[in-house]
Amino acid sequence: MTAIKSISSTIEQVSNIATTIASAVEQQGNATSEIARNVQQTAASTQAVGENIQGVTQAANDTGAAASQVLSSSGELSKQAEMLTVEMGKFLDQVRAA
């Protein structure tokens, strides 16, 4: 009978070890799933940041183009002001001469 008890005890120990291993495998599977979710969330966040950077880049380009247009318009306005000053001077000279 001692041999049967010894075998039964060994089977029980093997069963306990198998249960412990199965539990550890399940925990590792859960941890792996959590890591995969975190990686997926990080990828989505990275994509959103990239899209935001594109938006900022486009806004900066648009602002640069608008600033260039304002500079060009102010240069043209300055030329027109100079021409108006000259024409006003001529007009005043004609009025004084009359």
C-alpha atoms as a PDB file:
ATOM      1  CA  MET A   1       0.000   0.000   0.000  1.00  0.00           C
ATOM      2  CA  THR A   2       2.856   2.393   0.594  1.00  0.00           C
ATOM      3  CA  ALA A   3       3.734   2.267  -3.070  1.00  0.00           C
ATOM      4  CA  ILE A   4       0.190   3.290  -3.996  1.00  0.00           C
ATOM      5  CA  LYS A   5       0.247   6.122  -1.446  1.00  0.00           C
ATOM      6  CA  SER A   6       3.615   7.246  -2.784  1.00  0.00           C
ATOM      7  CA  ILE A   7       2.315   7.204  -6.373  1.00  0.00           C
ATOM      8  CA  SER A   8      -0.861   9.004  -5.313  1.00  0.00           C
ATOM      9  CA  SER A   9       1.207  11.642  -3.509  1.00  0.00           C
ATOM     10  CA  THR A  10       3.437  12.108  -6.539  1.00  0.00           C
ATOM     11  CA  ILE A  11       0.381  12.462  -8.807  1.00  0.00           C
ATOM     12  CA  GLU A  12      -1.060  15.072  -6.442  1.00  0.00           C
ATOM     13  CA  GLN A  13       2.238  17.001  -6.475  1.00  0.00           C
ATOM     14  CA  VAL A  14       2.371  16.845 -10.289  1.00  0.00           C
ATOM     15  CA  SER A  15      -1.246  18.045 -10.414  1.00  0.00           C
ATOM     16  CA  ASN A  16      -0.437  20.968  -8.099  1.00  0.00           C
ATOM     17  CA  ILE A  17       2.579  21.885 -10.204  1.00  0.00           C
ATOM     18  CA  ALA A  18       0.497  21.662 -13.405  1.00  0.00           C
ATOM     19  CA  THR A  19      -2.157  23.932 -11.844  1.00  0.00           C
ATOM     20  CA  THR A  20       0.519  26.444 -10.822  1.00  0.00           C
ATOM     21  CA  ILE A  21       2.015  26.394 -14.328  1.00  0.00           C
ATOM     22  CA  ALA A  22      -1.435  26.840 -15.927  1.00  0.00           C
ATOM     23  CA  SER A  23      -2.101  29.819 -13.659  1.00  0.00           C
ATOM     24  CA  ALA A  24       1.263  31.374 -14.547  1.00  0.00           C
ATOM     25  CA  VAL A  25       0.598  30.841 -18.271  1.00  0.00           C
ATOM     26  CA  GLU A  26      -2.804  32.522 -17.907  1.00  0.00           C
ATOM     27  CA  GLN A  27      -1.238  35.487 -16.083  1.00  0.00           C
ATOM     28  CA  GLN A  28       1.396  35.832 -18.783  1.00  0.00           C
ATOM     29  CA  GLY A  29      -1.311  35.689 -21.445  1.00  0.00           C
ATOM     30  CA  ASN A  30      -3.188  38.490 -19.680  1.00  0.00           C
ATOM     31  CA  ALA A  31      -0.007  40.553 -19.373  1.00  0.00           C
ATOM     32  CA  THR A  32       0.749  40.016 -23.061  1.00  0.00           C
ATOM     33  CA  SER A  33      -2.776  41.144 -23.990  1.00  0.00           C
ATOM     34  CA  GLU A  34      -2.378  44.275 -21.858  1.00  0.00           C
ATOM     35  CA  ILE A  35       0.969  45.046 -23.508  1.00  0.00           C
ATOM     36  CA  ALA A  36      -0.614  44.594 -26.944  1.00  0.00           C
ATOM     37  CA  ARG A  37      -3.441  47.015 -26.023  1.00  0.00           C
ATOM     38  CA  ASN A  38      -0.911  49.569 -24.766  1.00  0.00           C
ATOM     39  CA  VAL A  39       1.121  49.270 -27.957  1.00  0.00           C
ATOM     40  CA  GLN A  40      -2.033  49.761 -30.031  1.00  0.00           C
ATOM     41  CA  GLN A  41      -3.035  52.838 -28.002  1.00  0.00           C
ATOM     42  CA  THR A  42       0.464  54.254 -28.336  1.00  0.00           C
ATOM     43  CA  ALA A  43       0.375  53.752 -32.100  1.00  0.00           C
ATOM     44  CA  ALA A  44      -2.979  55.537 -32.324  1.00  0.00           C
ATOM     45  CA  SER A  45      -1.672  58.413 -30.190  1.00  0.00           C
ATOM     46  CA  THR A  46       1.452  58.660 -32.318  1.00  0.00           C
ATOM     47  CA  GLN A  47      -0.683  58.868 -35.446  1.00  0.00           C
ATOM     48  CA  ALA A  48      -2.792  61.632 -33.878  1.00  0.00           C
ATOM     49  CA  VAL A  49       0.350  63.576 -32.980  1.00  0.00           C
ATOM     50  CA  GLY A  50       1.582  63.202 -36.554  1.00  0.00           C
ATOM     51  CA  GLU A  51      -1.711  64.548 -37.884  1.00  0.00           C
ATOM     52  CA  ASN A  52      -1.536  67.481 -35.457  1.00  0.00           C
ATOM     53  CA  ILE A  53       2.006  68.248 -36.618  1.00  0.00           C
ATOM     54  CA  GLN A  54       0.769  68.256 -40.213  1.00  0.00           C
ATOM     55  CA  GLY A  55      -1.960  70.700 -39.217  1.00  0.00           C
ATOM     56  CA  VAL A  56       0.517  72.991 -37.485  1.00  0.00           C
ATOM     57  CA  THR A  57       2.851  72.817 -40.478  1.00  0.00           C
ATOM     58  CA  GLN A  58       0.010  73.751 -42.834  1.00  0.00           C
ATOM     59  CA  ALA A  59      -1.027  76.629 -40.553  1.00  0.00           C
ATOM     60  CA  ALA A  60       2.567  77.889 -40.459  1.00  0.00           C
ATOM     61  CA  ASN A  61       2.774  77.712 -44.258  1.00  0.00           C
ATOM     62  CA  ASP A  62      -0.528  79.566 -44.585  1.00  0.00           C
ATOM     63  CA  THR A  63       0.655  82.223 -42.131  1.00  0.00           C
ATOM     64  CA  GLY A  64       3.899  82.641 -44.075  1.00  0.00           C
ATOM     65  CA  ALA A  65       1.990  83.049 -47.329  1.00  0.00           C
ATOM     66  CA  ALA A  66      -0.346  85.606 -45.732  1.00  0.00           C
ATOM     67  CA  ALA A  67       2.611  87.524 -44.285  1.00  0.00           C
ATOM     68  CA  SER A  68       4.241  87.574 -47.704  1.00  0.00           C
ATOM     69  CA  GLN A  69       1.049  88.895 -49.252  1.00  0.00           C
ATOM     70  CA  VAL A  70       0.753  91.605 -46.558  1.00  0.00           C
ATOM     71  CA  LEU A  71       4.367  92.617 -47.193  1.00  0.00           C
ATOM     72  CA  SER A  72       3.727  92.827 -50.927  1.00  0.00           C
ATOM     73  CA  SER A  73       0.540  94.841 -50.400  1.00  0.00           C
ATOM     74  CA  SER A  74       2.242  97.244 -48.005  1.00  0.00           C
ATOM     75  CA  GLY A  75       5.032  97.792 -50.549  1.00  0.00           C
ATOM     76  CA  GLU A  76       2.469  98.563 -53.227  1.00  0.00           C
ATOM     77  CA  LEU A  77       0.592 100.876 -50.844  1.00  0.00           C
ATOM     78  CA  SER A  78       3.850 102.691 -50.060  1.00  0.00           C
ATOM     79  CA  LYS A  79       4.475 103.243 -53.783  1.00  0.00           C
ATOM     80  CA  GLN A  80       0.956 104.563 -54.246  1.00  0.00           C
ATOM     81  CA  ALA A  81       1.405 106.925 -51.265  1.00  0.00           C
ATOM     82  CA  GLU A  82       4.607 108.273 -52.806  1.00  0.00           C
ATOM     83  CA  MET A  83       2.836 108.801 -56.146  1.00  0.00           C
ATOM     84  CA  LEU A  84      -0.043 110.542 -54.372  1.00  0.00           C
ATOM     85  CA  THR A  85       2.393 112.829 -52.571  1.00  0.00           C
ATOM     86  CA  VAL A  86       4.036 113.759 -55.882  1.00  0.00           C
ATOM     87  CA  GLU A  87       0.673 114.348 -57.581  1.00  0.00           C
ATOM     88  CA  MET A  88      -0.551 116.398 -54.604  1.00  0.00           C
ATOM     89  CA  GLY A  89       2.598 118.518 -54.814  1.00  0.00           C
ATOM     90  CA  LYS A  90       2.005 119.122 -58.526  1.00  0.00           C
ATOM     91  CA  PHE A  91      -1.615 120.048 -57.849  1.00  0.00           C
ATOM     92  CA  LEU A  92      -0.658 122.465 -55.080  1.00  0.00           C
ATOM     93  CA  ASP A  93       1.977 124.028 -57.346  1.00  0.00           C
ATOM     94  CA  GLN A  94      -0.689 124.574 -60.046  1.00  0.00           C
ATOM     95  CA  VAL A  95      -3.105 126.066 -57.503  1.00  0.00           C
ATOM     96  CA  ARG A  96      -0.401 128.433 -56.224  1.00  0.00           C
ATOM     97  CA  ALA A  97       0.522 129.468 -59.751  1.00  0.00           C
ATOM     98  CA  ALA A  98      -3.055 130.246 -60.672  1.00  0.00           C
END
